[in-house]
C-alpha atoms as a PDB file:
ATOM      1  CA  MET A   1     -78.183  14.857  33.454  1.00  0.00           C
ATOM      2  CA  THR A   2     -74.498  15.314  32.747  1.00  0.00           C
ATOM      3  CA  ASP A   3     -72.301  12.590  31.304  1.00  0.00           C
ATOM      4  CA  PRO A   4     -70.508  10.617  34.099  1.00  0.00           C
ATOM      5  CA  GLU A   5     -67.170  11.012  32.318  1.00  0.00           C
ATOM      6  CA  THR A   6     -67.573  14.796  32.273  1.00  0.00           C
ATOM      7  CA  ILE A   7     -68.364  14.791  35.979  1.00  0.00           C
ATOM      8  CA  ALA A   8     -65.336  12.605  36.702  1.00  0.00           C
ATOM      9  CA  ARG A   9     -63.045  14.909  34.712  1.00  0.00           C
ATOM     10  CA  ALA A  10     -64.346  17.981  36.523  1.00  0.00           C
ATOM     11  CA  ARG A  11     -63.906  16.321  39.909  1.00  0.00           C
ATOM     12  CA  HIS A  12     -60.389  15.200  39.052  1.00  0.00           C
ATOM     13  CA  LYS A  13     -59.477  18.723  37.971  1.00  0.00           C
ATOM     14  CA  ARG A  14     -60.958  20.170  41.169  1.00  0.00           C
ATOM     15  CA  LEU A  15     -59.037  17.695  43.344  1.00  0.00           C
ATOM     16  CA  SER A  16     -55.789  18.495  41.537  1.00  0.00           C
ATOM     17  CA  VAL A  17     -56.259  22.240  41.962  1.00  0.00           C
ATOM     18  CA  VAL A  18     -57.059  21.852  45.663  1.00  0.00           C
ATOM     19  CA  ARG A  19     -54.007  19.649  46.229  1.00  0.00           C
ATOM     20  CA  PHE A  20     -51.659  21.993  44.354  1.00  0.00           C
ATOM     21  CA  ALA A  21     -53.042  24.971  46.267  1.00  0.00           C
ATOM     22  CA  GLY A  22     -52.391  23.110  49.505  1.00  0.00           C
ATOM     23  CA  VAL A  23     -48.810  22.357  48.520  1.00  0.00           C
ATOM     24  CA  GLY A  24     -48.301  25.997  47.550  1.00  0.00           C
ATOM     25  CA  LEU A  25     -49.676  27.230  50.861  1.00  0.00           C
ATOM     26  CA  ALA A  26     -47.511  24.770  52.772  1.00  0.00           C
ATOM     27  CA  LEU A  27     -44.405  25.950  50.898  1.00  0.00           C
ATOM     28  CA  VAL A  28     -45.204  29.590  51.619  1.00  0.00           C
ATOM     29  CA  GLY A  29     -45.728  28.719  55.281  1.00  0.00           C
ATOM     30  CA  ALA A  30     -42.399  26.886  55.377  1.00  0.00           C
ATOM     31  CA  ALA A  31     -40.660  29.879  53.781  1.00  0.00           C
ATOM     32  CA  ILE A  32     -42.159  32.188  56.400  1.00  0.00           C
ATOM     33  CA  MET A  33     -41.054  29.898  59.207  1.00  0.00           C
ATOM     34  CA  ALA A  34     -37.547  29.673  57.721  1.00  0.00           C
ATOM     35  CA  GLY A  35     -37.269  33.463  57.781  1.00  0.00           C
ATOM     36  CA  LYS A  36     -37.250  33.914  53.992  1.00  0.00           C
ATOM     37  CA  VAL A  37     -40.368  36.088  54.236  1.00  0.00           C
ATOM     38  CA  ASP A  38     -40.515  38.905  56.774  1.00  0.00           C
ATOM     39  CA  LEU A  39     -43.557  37.766  58.735  1.00  0.00           C
ATOM     40  CA  PRO A  40     -43.903  36.319  62.231  1.00  0.00           C
ATOM     41  CA  ARG A  41     -43.252  32.590  62.566  1.00  0.00           C
ATOM     42  CA  LEU A  42     -46.753  32.115  63.983  1.00  0.00           C
ATOM     43  CA  VAL A  43     -48.197  33.325  60.688  1.00  0.00           C
ATOM     44  CA  GLY A  44     -45.946  30.818  58.910  1.00  0.00           C
ATOM     45  CA  LEU A  45     -47.184  28.014  61.117  1.00  0.00           C
ATOM     46  CA  ILE A  46     -50.809  28.918  60.477  1.00  0.00           C
ATOM     47  CA  VAL A  47     -50.246  29.093  56.702  1.00  0.00           C
ATOM     48  CA  LEU A  48     -48.347  25.798  56.791  1.00  0.00           C
ATOM     49  CA  LEU A  49     -51.142  24.056  58.687  1.00  0.00           C
ATOM     50  CA  LEU A  50     -53.748  25.475  56.298  1.00  0.00           C
ATOM     51  CA  GLY A  51     -51.688  24.125  53.411  1.00  0.00           C
ATOM     52  CA  VAL A  52     -51.594  20.676  54.972  1.00  0.00           C
ATOM     53  CA  PHE A  53     -55.354  20.817  55.482  1.00  0.00           C
ATOM     54  CA  TYR A  54     -56.005  21.880  51.875  1.00  0.00           C
ATOM     55  CA  GLY A  55     -53.501  19.388  50.491  1.00  0.00           C
ATOM     56  CA  MET A  56     -54.465  16.286  52.447  1.00  0.00           C
ATOM     57  CA  ILE A  57     -57.656  16.521  54.476  1.00  0.00           C
ATOM     58  CA  PHE A  58     -59.916  18.666  52.291  1.00  0.00           C
ATOM     59  CA  PRO A  59     -59.595  16.455  49.156  1.00  0.00           C
ATOM     60  CA  ALA A  60     -60.581  13.379  51.168  1.00  0.00           C
ATOM     61  CA  ARG A  61     -63.647  15.211  52.450  1.00  0.00           C
ATOM     62  CA  LEU A  62     -64.566  16.222  48.894  1.00  0.00           C
ATOM     63  CA  VAL A  63     -64.353  12.612  47.698  1.00  0.00           C
ATOM     64  CA  ARG A  64     -66.498  11.459  50.612  1.00  0.00           C
ATOM     65  CA  ARG A  65     -69.126  14.102  49.791  1.00  0.00           C
ATOM     66  CA  TRP A  66     -69.144  13.163  46.105  1.00  0.00           C
ATOM     67  CA  LYS A  67     -69.587   9.480  46.924  1.00  0.00           C
ATOM     68  CA  ARG A  68     -72.506  10.376  49.156  1.00  0.00           C
ATOM     69  CA  GLN A  69     -74.066  12.471  46.382  1.00  0.00           C
ATOM     70  CA  ASP A  70     -73.674   9.586  43.917  1.00  0.00           C
ATOM     71  CA  GLY A  71     -75.471   7.217  46.269  1.00  0.00           C
ATOM     72  CA  ARG A  72     -72.353   5.299  47.257  1.00  0.00           C
ATOM     73  CA  GLU A  73     -71.379   5.370  50.898  1.00  0.00           C
ATOM     74  CA  GLY A  74     -67.709   6.003  51.566  1.00  0.00           C
END
């Protein structure tokens, strides 16, 4: 089995990448909605909402899944 510290580091890195990707998507969506990028505003809204999902909701779901895998209910 893998060292718990190694697992924790990998999970932390994965959470950070997911959060930063979400923030990036949200910023791109906001730029589209502001008219800085030549795409329809609906596309900007969709990208913005996906960014919010990836930045806030998806990391919480990952943590919940990892706790379940470790035998701790969350």
